[in-house]
PDB file of N, CA and C in Angstrom:
ATOM      1  N   MET A   1      -2.445   2.411  20.500  1.00  0.00           N
ATOM      2  CA  MET A   1      -1.961   2.971  19.333  1.00  0.00           C
ATOM      3  C   MET A   1      -1.378   1.874  18.178  1.00  0.00           C
ATOM      4  N   LEU A   2      -1.863   2.231  16.959  1.00  0.00           N
ATOM      5  CA  LEU A   2      -1.481   1.578  15.773  1.00  0.00           C
ATOM      6  C   LEU A   2      -0.112   1.219  15.504  1.00  0.00           C
ATOM      7  N   ARG A   3       0.338   0.307  14.714  1.00  0.00           N
ATOM      8  CA  ARG A   3       1.769   0.132  14.215  1.00  0.00           C
ATOM      9  C   ARG A   3       1.456  -0.259  12.726  1.00  0.00           C
ATOM     10  N   VAL A   4       2.484  -0.212  11.871  1.00  0.00           N
ATOM     11  CA  VAL A   4       2.474  -0.674  10.479  1.00  0.00           C
ATOM     12  C   VAL A   4       2.878  -2.010  10.441  1.00  0.00           C
ATOM     13  N   GLU A   5       2.360  -3.056   9.552  1.00  0.00           N
ATOM     14  CA  GLU A   5       3.080  -4.124   9.148  1.00  0.00           C
ATOM     15  C   GLU A   5       2.818  -4.424   7.715  1.00  0.00           C
ATOM     16  N   PHE A   6       3.776  -4.858   7.064  1.00  0.00           N
ATOM     17  CA  PHE A   6       3.677  -4.926   5.382  1.00  0.00           C
ATOM     18  C   PHE A   6       3.234  -6.591   5.454  1.00  0.00           C
ATOM     19  N   HIS A   7       2.570  -7.148   4.495  1.00  0.00           N
ATOM     20  CA  HIS A   7       2.738  -8.482   4.071  1.00  0.00           C
ATOM     21  C   HIS A   7       3.864  -8.710   3.422  1.00  0.00           C
ATOM     22  N   PRO A   8       4.554  -9.815   3.494  1.00  0.00           N
ATOM     23  CA  PRO A   8       5.817  -9.954   2.836  1.00  0.00           C
ATOM     24  C   PRO A   8       5.681  -9.662   1.399  1.00  0.00           C
ATOM     25  N   LYS A   9       4.643  -9.952   0.693  1.00  0.00           N
ATOM     26  CA  LYS A   9       4.757  -9.747  -0.725  1.00  0.00           C
ATOM     27  C   LYS A   9       4.379  -8.159  -0.913  1.00  0.00           C
ATOM     28  N   ALA A  10       3.844  -7.634   0.054  1.00  0.00           N
ATOM     29  CA  ALA A  10       3.763  -6.244  -0.400  1.00  0.00           C
ATOM     30  C   ALA A  10       5.029  -5.501   0.076  1.00  0.00           C
ATOM     31  N   ARG A  11       5.907  -5.859   0.809  1.00  0.00           N
ATOM     32  CA  ARG A  11       7.217  -5.354   1.106  1.00  0.00           C
ATOM     33  C   ARG A  11       8.050  -5.741  -0.158  1.00  0.00           C
ATOM     34  N   ARG A  12       7.980  -6.773  -0.779  1.00  0.00           N
ATOM     35  CA  ARG A  12       8.808  -7.045  -1.751  1.00  0.00           C
ATOM     36  C   ARG A  12       8.179  -6.214  -3.087  1.00  0.00           C
ATOM     37  N   GLU A  13       7.048  -5.961  -3.051  1.00  0.00           N
ATOM     38  CA  GLU A  13       6.361  -5.225  -4.381  1.00  0.00           C
ATOM     39  C   GLU A  13       7.005  -3.702  -4.152  1.00  0.00           C
ATOM     40  N   LEU A  14       7.159  -3.298  -2.772  1.00  0.00           N
ATOM     41  CA  LEU A  14       7.538  -1.848  -2.692  1.00  0.00           C
ATOM     42  C   LEU A  14       9.012  -1.833  -2.830  1.00  0.00           C
ATOM     43  N   ALA A  15       9.941  -2.786  -2.499  1.00  0.00           N
ATOM     44  CA  ALA A  15      11.291  -2.808  -2.807  1.00  0.00           C
ATOM     45  C   ALA A  15      11.578  -2.830  -4.276  1.00  0.00           C
ATOM     46  N   GLU A  16      10.833  -3.762  -5.025  1.00  0.00           N
ATOM     47  CA  GLU A  16      11.170  -3.895  -6.296  1.00  0.00           C
ATOM     48  C   GLU A  16      10.665  -2.615  -7.186  1.00  0.00           C
ATOM     49  N   ALA A  17       9.478  -1.852  -6.816  1.00  0.00           N
ATOM     50  CA  ALA A  17       8.964  -0.611  -7.423  1.00  0.00           C
ATOM     51  C   ALA A  17      10.361   0.317  -7.158  1.00  0.00           C
ATOM     52  N   ALA A  18      10.683   0.465  -5.937  1.00  0.00           N
ATOM     53  CA  ALA A  18      11.709   1.412  -5.636  1.00  0.00           C
ATOM     54  C   ALA A  18      12.977   1.038  -6.376  1.00  0.00           C
ATOM     55  N   GLN A  19      13.442  -0.071  -6.614  1.00  0.00           N
ATOM     56  CA  GLN A  19      14.658  -0.556  -7.443  1.00  0.00           C
ATOM     57  C   GLN A  19      14.351   0.016  -8.774  1.00  0.00           C
ATOM     58  N   TRP A  20      13.223  -0.318  -9.360  1.00  0.00           N
ATOM     59  CA  TRP A  20      12.898   0.003 -10.673  1.00  0.00           C
ATOM     60  C   TRP A  20      12.895   1.336 -10.861  1.00  0.00           C
ATOM     61  N   PHE A  21      12.440   2.416 -10.010  1.00  0.00           N
ATOM     62  CA  PHE A  21      12.684   3.794 -10.267  1.00  0.00           C
ATOM     63  C   PHE A  21      14.036   4.347  -9.986  1.00  0.00           C
ATOM     64  N   ASN A  22      14.615   3.743  -9.084  1.00  0.00           N
ATOM     65  CA  ASN A  22      16.063   4.323  -8.868  1.00  0.00           C
ATOM     66  C   ASN A  22      16.784   3.859 -10.146  1.00  0.00           C
ATOM     67  N   GLU A  23      16.736   2.858 -10.751  1.00  0.00           N
ATOM     68  CA  GLU A  23      17.354   2.364 -12.113  1.00  0.00           C
ATOM     69  C   GLU A  23      17.229   3.476 -13.199  1.00  0.00           C
ATOM     70  N   ARG A  24      15.933   4.275 -12.929  1.00  0.00           N
ATOM     71  CA  ARG A  24      15.551   4.985 -14.172  1.00  0.00           C
ATOM     72  C   ARG A  24      16.131   6.534 -13.977  1.00  0.00           C
ATOM     73  N   SER A  25      16.245   6.804 -12.655  1.00  0.00           N
ATOM     74  CA  SER A  25      16.281   8.233 -12.094  1.00  0.00           C
ATOM     75  C   SER A  25      17.064   8.238 -10.808  1.00  0.00           C
ATOM     76  N   ASP A  26      18.077   8.920 -10.583  1.00  0.00           N
ATOM     77  CA  ASP A  26      18.482   9.090  -9.298  1.00  0.00           C
ATOM     78  C   ASP A  26      17.458   9.533  -8.206  1.00  0.00           C
ATOM     79  N   ASN A  27      17.558   8.636  -7.097  1.00  0.00           N
ATOM     80  CA  ASN A  27      16.512   9.056  -5.901  1.00  0.00           C
ATOM     81  C   ASN A  27      15.115   8.911  -6.170  1.00  0.00           C
ATOM     82  N   LEU A  28      14.849   8.541  -7.351  1.00  0.00           N
ATOM     83  CA  LEU A  28      13.089   8.452  -7.497  1.00  0.00           C
ATOM     84  C   LEU A  28      12.507   7.190  -6.656  1.00  0.00           C
ATOM     85  N   GLY A  29      13.396   6.302  -6.554  1.00  0.00           N
ATOM     86  CA  GLY A  29      12.861   5.142  -5.718  1.00  0.00           C
ATOM     87  C   GLY A  29      12.829   5.417  -4.307  1.00  0.00           C
ATOM     88  N   GLU A  30      13.803   6.354  -3.931  1.00  0.00           N
ATOM     89  CA  GLU A  30      13.754   6.879  -2.536  1.00  0.00           C
ATOM     90  C   GLU A  30      12.529   7.849  -2.180  1.00  0.00           C
ATOM     91  N   ALA A  31      12.098   8.599  -3.557  1.00  0.00           N
ATOM     92  CA  ALA A  31      11.027   9.535  -3.352  1.00  0.00           C
ATOM     93  C   ALA A  31       9.765   8.507  -3.033  1.00  0.00           C
ATOM     94  N   LEU A  32       9.698   7.488  -3.749  1.00  0.00           N
ATOM     95  CA  LEU A  32       8.405   6.622  -3.402  1.00  0.00           C
ATOM     96  C   LEU A  32       8.561   5.972  -2.153  1.00  0.00           C
ATOM     97  N   LEU A  33       9.542   5.579  -1.751  1.00  0.00           N
ATOM     98  CA  LEU A  33       9.621   5.128  -0.262  1.00  0.00           C
ATOM     99  C   LEU A  33       9.194   6.218   0.753  1.00  0.00           C
ATOM    100  N   ASP A  34       9.861   7.400   0.448  1.00  0.00           N
ATOM    101  CA  ASP A  34       9.337   8.598   1.356  1.00  0.00           C
ATOM    102  C   ASP A  34       7.792   8.690   1.053  1.00  0.00           C
ATOM    103  N   GLU A  35       7.236   8.557   0.047  1.00  0.00           N
ATOM    104  CA  GLU A  35       5.827   8.793   0.113  1.00  0.00           C
ATOM    105  C   GLU A  35       5.046   7.817   0.660  1.00  0.00           C
ATOM    106  N   VAL A  36       5.434   6.488   0.683  1.00  0.00           N
ATOM    107  CA  VAL A  36       4.789   5.461   1.347  1.00  0.00           C
ATOM    108  C   VAL A  36       4.823   5.585   2.675  1.00  0.00           C
ATOM    109  N   ASP A  37       5.928   6.088   3.289  1.00  0.00           N
ATOM    110  CA  ASP A  37       6.088   6.297   4.628  1.00  0.00           C
ATOM    111  C   ASP A  37       5.297   7.500   5.204  1.00  0.00           C
ATOM    112  N   ALA A  38       4.983   8.548   4.329  1.00  0.00           N
ATOM    113  CA  ALA A  38       4.299   9.498   4.696  1.00  0.00           C
ATOM    114  C   ALA A  38       2.835   9.043   4.514  1.00  0.00           C
ATOM    115  N   ALA A  39       2.490   8.391   3.939  1.00  0.00           N
ATOM    116  CA  ALA A  39       0.936   7.793   3.709  1.00  0.00           C
ATOM    117  C   ALA A  39       0.829   6.976   4.791  1.00  0.00           C
ATOM    118  N   THR A  40       1.649   5.989   5.324  1.00  0.00           N
ATOM    119  CA  THR A  40       1.398   5.010   6.547  1.00  0.00           C
ATOM    120  C   THR A  40       1.348   5.994   7.660  1.00  0.00           C
ATOM    121  N   ALA A  41       2.167   7.100   7.577  1.00  0.00           N
ATOM    122  CA  ALA A  41       2.048   7.672   8.831  1.00  0.00           C
ATOM    123  C   ALA A  41       0.702   8.418   9.122  1.00  0.00           C
ATOM    124  N   ARG A  42       0.186   9.021   7.854  1.00  0.00           N
ATOM    125  CA  ARG A  42      -1.112   9.494   7.944  1.00  0.00           C
ATOM    126  C   ARG A  42      -2.240   8.502   8.432  1.00  0.00           C
ATOM    127  N   LEU A  43      -2.177   7.383   7.815  1.00  0.00           N
ATOM    128  CA  LEU A  43      -2.979   6.355   8.068  1.00  0.00           C
ATOM    129  C   LEU A  43      -2.999   5.657   9.589  1.00  0.00           C
ATOM    130  N   LEU A  44      -1.978   5.853  10.027  1.00  0.00           N
ATOM    131  CA  LEU A  44      -1.820   5.513  11.446  1.00  0.00           C
ATOM    132  C   LEU A  44      -2.675   6.524  12.367  1.00  0.00           C
ATOM    133  N   ILE A  45      -2.643   7.566  11.936  1.00  0.00           N
ATOM    134  CA  ILE A  45      -3.620   8.615  12.764  1.00  0.00           C
ATOM    135  C   ILE A  45      -4.871   8.566  12.408  1.00  0.00           C
ATOM    136  N   MET A  46      -5.268   8.354  11.174  1.00  0.00           N
ATOM    137  CA  MET A  46      -6.937   8.365  10.603  1.00  0.00           C
ATOM    138  C   MET A  46      -6.937   6.959   9.642  1.00  0.00           C
ATOM    139  N   PRO A  47      -6.916   5.986  10.159  1.00  0.00           N
ATOM    140  CA  PRO A  47      -6.849   4.960   9.278  1.00  0.00           C
ATOM    141  C   PRO A  47      -8.046   4.822   8.390  1.00  0.00           C
ATOM    142  N   GLY A  48      -9.192   5.570   8.635  1.00  0.00           N
ATOM    143  CA  GLY A  48     -10.449   5.571   7.783  1.00  0.00           C
ATOM    144  C   GLY A  48     -10.327   6.605   6.719  1.00  0.00           C
ATOM    145  N   MET A  49      -9.184   7.127   6.535  1.00  0.00           N
ATOM    146  CA  MET A  49      -9.196   7.919   5.163  1.00  0.00           C
ATOM    147  C   MET A  49      -9.170   7.402   4.147  1.00  0.00           C
ATOM    148  N   GLY A  50      -8.692   6.017   3.839  1.00  0.00           N
ATOM    149  CA  GLY A  50      -8.653   5.364   2.839  1.00  0.00           C
ATOM    150  C   GLY A  50      -9.991   5.051   2.086  1.00  0.00           C
ATOM    151  N   SER A  51     -10.309   4.842   1.004  1.00  0.00           N
ATOM    152  CA  SER A  51     -11.613   4.470   0.353  1.00  0.00           C
ATOM    153  C   SER A  51     -11.644   2.913   0.775  1.00  0.00           C
ATOM    154  N   LEU A  52     -13.012   2.559   1.172  1.00  0.00           N
ATOM    155  CA  LEU A  52     -13.408   1.082   1.203  1.00  0.00           C
ATOM    156  C   LEU A  52     -13.291   0.500  -0.004  1.00  0.00           C
ATOM    157  N   ILE A  53     -12.827  -0.729  -0.076  1.00  0.00           N
ATOM    158  CA  ILE A  53     -12.884  -1.486  -1.304  1.00  0.00           C
ATOM    159  C   ILE A  53     -14.143  -2.464  -1.429  1.00  0.00           C
ATOM    160  N   ARG A  54     -14.890  -2.189  -2.367  1.00  0.00           N
ATOM    161  CA  ARG A  54     -16.174  -3.140  -2.486  1.00  0.00           C
ATOM    162  C   ARG A  54     -15.941  -3.733  -3.758  1.00  0.00           C
ATOM    163  N   HIS A  55     -15.615  -5.428  -3.248  1.00  0.00           N
ATOM    164  CA  HIS A  55     -15.672  -6.158  -4.719  1.00  0.00           C
ATOM    165  C   HIS A  55     -16.007  -7.653  -3.771  1.00  0.00           C
ATOM    166  N   ARG A  56     -16.604  -8.225  -4.532  1.00  0.00           N
ATOM    167  CA  ARG A  56     -17.168  -9.594  -4.047  1.00  0.00           C
ATOM    168  C   ARG A  56     -15.994 -10.575  -3.750  1.00  0.00           C
ATOM    169  N   ARG A  57     -14.890 -10.368  -4.060  1.00  0.00           N
ATOM    170  CA  ARG A  57     -13.853 -11.224  -3.641  1.00  0.00           C
ATOM    171  C   ARG A  57     -12.945 -10.686  -2.594  1.00  0.00           C
ATOM    172  N   ILE A  58     -13.288  -9.695  -2.203  1.00  0.00           N
ATOM    173  CA  ILE A  58     -12.472  -9.018  -0.942  1.00  0.00           C
ATOM    174  C   ILE A  58     -13.221  -8.820   0.142  1.00  0.00           C
ATOM    175  N   PRO A  59     -12.959  -9.564   1.133  1.00  0.00           N
ATOM    176  CA  PRO A  59     -13.656  -9.176   2.657  1.00  0.00           C
ATOM    177  C   PRO A  59     -13.777  -7.773   3.015  1.00  0.00           C
ATOM    178  N   PRO A  60     -15.174  -7.505   3.556  1.00  0.00           N
ATOM    179  CA  PRO A  60     -15.385  -5.955   3.896  1.00  0.00           C
ATOM    180  C   PRO A  60     -14.240  -5.593   5.199  1.00  0.00           C
ATOM    181  N   GLY A  61     -13.940  -4.357   5.005  1.00  0.00           N
ATOM    182  CA  GLY A  61     -12.895  -3.549   5.820  1.00  0.00           C
ATOM    183  C   GLY A  61     -11.632  -3.234   5.298  1.00  0.00           C
ATOM    184  N   HIS A  62     -11.290  -3.709   3.850  1.00  0.00           N
ATOM    185  CA  HIS A  62     -10.200  -3.429   3.241  1.00  0.00           C
ATOM    186  C   HIS A  62     -10.300  -1.986   2.731  1.00  0.00           C
ATOM    187  N   ARG A  63      -9.185  -1.171   2.656  1.00  0.00           N
ATOM    188  CA  ARG A  63      -9.224   0.173   2.034  1.00  0.00           C
ATOM    189  C   ARG A  63      -8.105   0.113   1.242  1.00  0.00           C
ATOM    190  N   LYS A  64      -8.216   1.309   0.486  1.00  0.00           N
ATOM    191  CA  LYS A  64      -6.943   1.617  -0.506  1.00  0.00           C
ATOM    192  C   LYS A  64      -6.795   3.037  -0.336  1.00  0.00           C
ATOM    193  N   TRP A  65      -5.474   3.467  -0.403  1.00  0.00           N
ATOM    194  CA  TRP A  65      -4.835   4.789  -0.317  1.00  0.00           C
ATOM    195  C   TRP A  65      -4.329   4.940  -1.630  1.00  0.00           C
ATOM    196  N   VAL A  66      -4.699   5.961  -2.386  1.00  0.00           N
ATOM    197  CA  VAL A  66      -3.939   6.273  -3.656  1.00  0.00           C
ATOM    198  C   VAL A  66      -2.843   7.283  -3.455  1.00  0.00           C
ATOM    199  N   LEU A  67      -1.713   6.848  -3.809  1.00  0.00           N
ATOM    200  CA  LEU A  67      -0.457   7.537  -3.692  1.00  0.00           C
ATOM    201  C   LEU A  67      -0.450   8.831  -4.702  1.00  0.00           C
ATOM    202  N   ALA A  68       0.187  10.121  -4.177  1.00  0.00           N
ATOM    203  CA  ALA A  68      -0.220  11.348  -4.984  1.00  0.00           C
ATOM    204  C   ALA A  68       0.866  11.342  -6.197  1.00  0.00           C
ATOM    205  N   ARG A  69       1.906  10.985  -6.138  1.00  0.00           N
ATOM    206  CA  ARG A  69       3.075  11.169  -7.076  1.00  0.00           C
ATOM    207  C   ARG A  69       3.165  10.051  -7.821  1.00  0.00           C
ATOM    208  N   PHE A  70       2.903   8.806  -7.580  1.00  0.00           N
ATOM    209  CA  PHE A  70       3.207   7.636  -8.008  1.00  0.00           C
ATOM    210  C   PHE A  70       1.809   6.903  -8.468  1.00  0.00           C
ATOM    211  N   ARG A  71       1.907   6.051  -9.277  1.00  0.00           N
ATOM    212  CA  ARG A  71       0.747   5.261  -9.727  1.00  0.00           C
ATOM    213  C   ARG A  71       0.810   4.040  -8.959  1.00  0.00           C
ATOM    214  N   TYR A  72       0.456   4.397  -7.517  1.00  0.00           N
ATOM    215  CA  TYR A  72       0.506   3.105  -6.870  1.00  0.00           C
ATOM    216  C   TYR A  72      -0.487   3.229  -5.739  1.00  0.00           C
ATOM    217  N   ILE A  73      -1.077   2.191  -5.277  1.00  0.00           N
ATOM    218  CA  ILE A  73      -2.296   2.333  -4.177  1.00  0.00           C
ATOM    219  C   ILE A  73      -1.726   1.372  -2.934  1.00  0.00           C
ATOM    220  N   LEU A  74      -2.051   1.672  -1.836  1.00  0.00           N
ATOM    221  CA  LEU A  74      -1.754   0.888  -0.623  1.00  0.00           C
ATOM    222  C   LEU A  74      -2.841   0.441  -0.510  1.00  0.00           C
ATOM    223  N   VAL A  75      -3.017  -1.131  -0.272  1.00  0.00           N
ATOM    224  CA  VAL A  75      -4.301  -1.905   0.111  1.00  0.00           C
ATOM    225  C   VAL A  75      -4.244  -2.154   1.743  1.00  0.00           C
ATOM    226  N   TYR A  76      -4.844  -2.046   2.519  1.00  0.00           N
ATOM    227  CA  TYR A  76      -4.536  -2.269   3.715  1.00  0.00           C
ATOM    228  C   TYR A  76      -6.071  -2.424   4.534  1.00  0.00           C
ATOM    229  N   ARG A  77      -5.888  -3.037   5.698  1.00  0.00           N
ATOM    230  CA  ARG A  77      -6.900  -3.109   6.794  1.00  0.00           C
ATOM    231  C   ARG A  77      -6.252  -2.932   8.132  1.00  0.00           C
ATOM    232  N   VAL A  78      -6.996  -2.631   9.032  1.00  0.00           N
ATOM    233  CA  VAL A  78      -6.692  -2.426  10.595  1.00  0.00           C
ATOM    234  C   VAL A  78      -7.029  -3.827  11.172  1.00  0.00           C
ATOM    235  N   VAL A  79      -6.144  -4.471  11.870  1.00  0.00           N
ATOM    236  CA  VAL A  79      -6.544  -5.564  12.597  1.00  0.00           C
ATOM    237  C   VAL A  79      -5.781  -5.522  13.892  1.00  0.00           C
ATOM    238  N   ASN A  80      -6.439  -5.866  15.093  1.00  0.00           N
ATOM    239  CA  ASN A  80      -5.920  -5.922  16.083  1.00  0.00           C
ATOM    240  C   ASN A  80      -4.545  -4.788  16.624  1.00  0.00           C
ATOM    241  N   GLN A  81      -5.174  -3.703  16.513  1.00  0.00           N
ATOM    242  CA  GLN A  81      -4.106  -2.560  16.413  1.00  0.00           C
ATOM    243  C   GLN A  81      -2.793  -2.554  15.469  1.00  0.00           C
ATOM    244  N   VAL A  82      -2.909  -3.005  14.302  1.00  0.00           N
ATOM    245  CA  VAL A  82      -2.038  -3.267  13.233  1.00  0.00           C
ATOM    246  C   VAL A  82      -2.689  -2.752  11.872  1.00  0.00           C
ATOM    247  N   LEU A  83      -1.917  -1.758  11.136  1.00  0.00           N
ATOM    248  CA  LEU A  83      -2.181  -1.205   9.872  1.00  0.00           C
ATOM    249  C   LEU A  83      -1.600  -2.242   9.203  1.00  0.00           C
ATOM    250  N   TRP A  84      -2.415  -3.330   8.679  1.00  0.00           N
ATOM    251  CA  TRP A  84      -1.760  -4.371   7.878  1.00  0.00           C
ATOM    252  C   TRP A  84      -1.888  -4.119   6.335  1.00  0.00           C
ATOM    253  N   VAL A  85      -0.612  -3.870   5.555  1.00  0.00           N
ATOM    254  CA  VAL A  85      -0.532  -3.399   4.307  1.00  0.00           C
ATOM    255  C   VAL A  85      -0.399  -4.776   3.579  1.00  0.00           C
ATOM    256  N   VAL A  86      -1.634  -5.045   2.763  1.00  0.00           N
ATOM    257  CA  VAL A  86      -1.643  -6.278   2.095  1.00  0.00           C
ATOM    258  C   VAL A  86      -0.899  -6.141   0.752  1.00  0.00           C
ATOM    259  N   ALA A  87      -1.163  -4.946  -0.022  1.00  0.00           N
ATOM    260  CA  ALA A  87      -0.337  -4.875  -1.214  1.00  0.00           C
ATOM    261  C   ALA A  87       0.119  -3.344  -1.454  1.00  0.00           C
ATOM    262  N   VAL A  88       1.153  -3.269  -2.281  1.00  0.00           N
ATOM    263  CA  VAL A  88       1.576  -2.197  -2.784  1.00  0.00           C
ATOM    264  C   VAL A  88       1.518  -2.338  -4.427  1.00  0.00           C
ATOM    265  N   ALA A  89       0.387  -1.968  -4.828  1.00  0.00           N
ATOM    266  CA  ALA A  89      -0.099  -2.253  -6.175  1.00  0.00           C
ATOM    267  C   ALA A  89       0.013  -1.221  -7.013  1.00  0.00           C
ATOM    268  N   HIS A  90       0.465  -1.329  -8.209  1.00  0.00           N
ATOM    269  CA  HIS A  90       0.448  -0.322  -9.376  1.00  0.00           C
ATOM    270  C   HIS A  90      -0.845  -0.464  -9.961  1.00  0.00           C
ATOM    271  N   THR A  91      -1.372   0.844 -10.380  1.00  0.00           N
ATOM    272  CA  THR A  91      -2.868   0.937 -10.697  1.00  0.00           C
ATOM    273  C   THR A  91      -3.141   0.484 -12.009  1.00  0.00           C
ATOM    274  N   SER A  92      -2.092   0.063 -12.836  1.00  0.00           N
ATOM    275  CA  SER A  92      -2.375  -0.485 -14.036  1.00  0.00           C
ATOM    276  C   SER A  92      -2.315  -2.192 -13.950  1.00  0.00           C
ATOM    277  N   ARG A  93      -2.129  -2.687 -12.788  1.00  0.00           N
ATOM    278  CA  ARG A  93      -2.204  -3.920 -12.672  1.00  0.00           C
ATOM    279  C   ARG A  93      -3.418  -4.682 -12.111  1.00  0.00           C
ATOM    280  N   LYS A  94      -3.633  -5.842 -12.469  1.00  0.00           N
ATOM    281  CA  LYS A  94      -5.115  -6.529 -12.579  1.00  0.00           C
ATOM    282  C   LYS A  94      -5.751  -6.242 -11.109  1.00  0.00           C
ATOM    283  N   PRO A  95      -6.778  -5.450 -11.026  1.00  0.00           N
ATOM    284  CA  PRO A  95      -7.596  -5.308  -9.682  1.00  0.00           C
ATOM    285  C   PRO A  95      -7.639  -6.567  -8.837  1.00  0.00           C
ATOM    286  N   GLY A  96      -7.324  -6.582  -7.702  1.00  0.00           N
ATOM    287  CA  GLY A  96      -7.607  -7.489  -6.691  1.00  0.00           C
ATOM    288  C   GLY A  96      -6.669  -8.852  -7.057  1.00  0.00           C
ATOM    289  N   TYR A  97      -5.627  -8.667  -7.610  1.00  0.00           N
ATOM    290  CA  TYR A  97      -4.483  -9.752  -7.908  1.00  0.00           C
ATOM    291  C   TYR A  97      -3.882 -10.140  -6.500  1.00  0.00           C
ATOM    292  N   TRP A  98      -4.035  -9.300  -5.486  1.00  0.00           N
ATOM    293  CA  TRP A  98      -3.603  -9.648  -4.140  1.00  0.00           C
ATOM    294  C   TRP A  98      -4.459 -10.319  -3.459  1.00  0.00           C
ATOM    295  N   ALA A  99      -5.641 -10.548  -3.786  1.00  0.00           N
ATOM    296  CA  ALA A  99      -6.749 -11.039  -2.940  1.00  0.00           C
ATOM    297  C   ALA A  99      -6.376 -12.307  -2.151  1.00  0.00           C
ATOM    298  N   ASP A 100      -5.458 -13.229  -2.761  1.00  0.00           N
ATOM    299  CA  ASP A 100      -5.200 -14.534  -2.089  1.00  0.00           C
ATOM    300  C   ASP A 100      -4.325 -14.346  -0.935  1.00  0.00           C
ATOM    301  N   ARG A 101      -3.967 -12.998  -0.760  1.00  0.00           N
ATOM    302  CA  ARG A 101      -3.016 -12.664   0.459  1.00  0.00           C
ATOM    303  C   ARG A 101      -3.781 -12.714   1.747  1.00  0.00           C
ATOM    304  N   LEU A 102      -5.345 -12.602   1.548  1.00  0.00           N
ATOM    305  CA  LEU A 102      -6.142 -12.085   2.653  1.00  0.00           C
ATOM    306  C   LEU A 102      -6.426 -13.475   3.571  1.00  0.00           C
TER     307      LEU A 102
END
């Protein structure tokens, strides 16, 4: 059975994004956290649902899941029964900025 783990920088990205949204609207940050929880729960069941990332700087096997309500993606890979979330990236941020985490 798979379990979820976040890279420390991905966990920080998520916390900072949730705080940013909460500062602008009550409970919007909580909605982001809920959506990430729901997404990771779905990915635990079917980890292949995300789109494969094909980029010369990114090793094969990494995938992305686009959040429905927020302009963020989860970048992840399954390694040794762990759904390893590498980044919680805003879609306007430079693509692949998180590649050094691999």
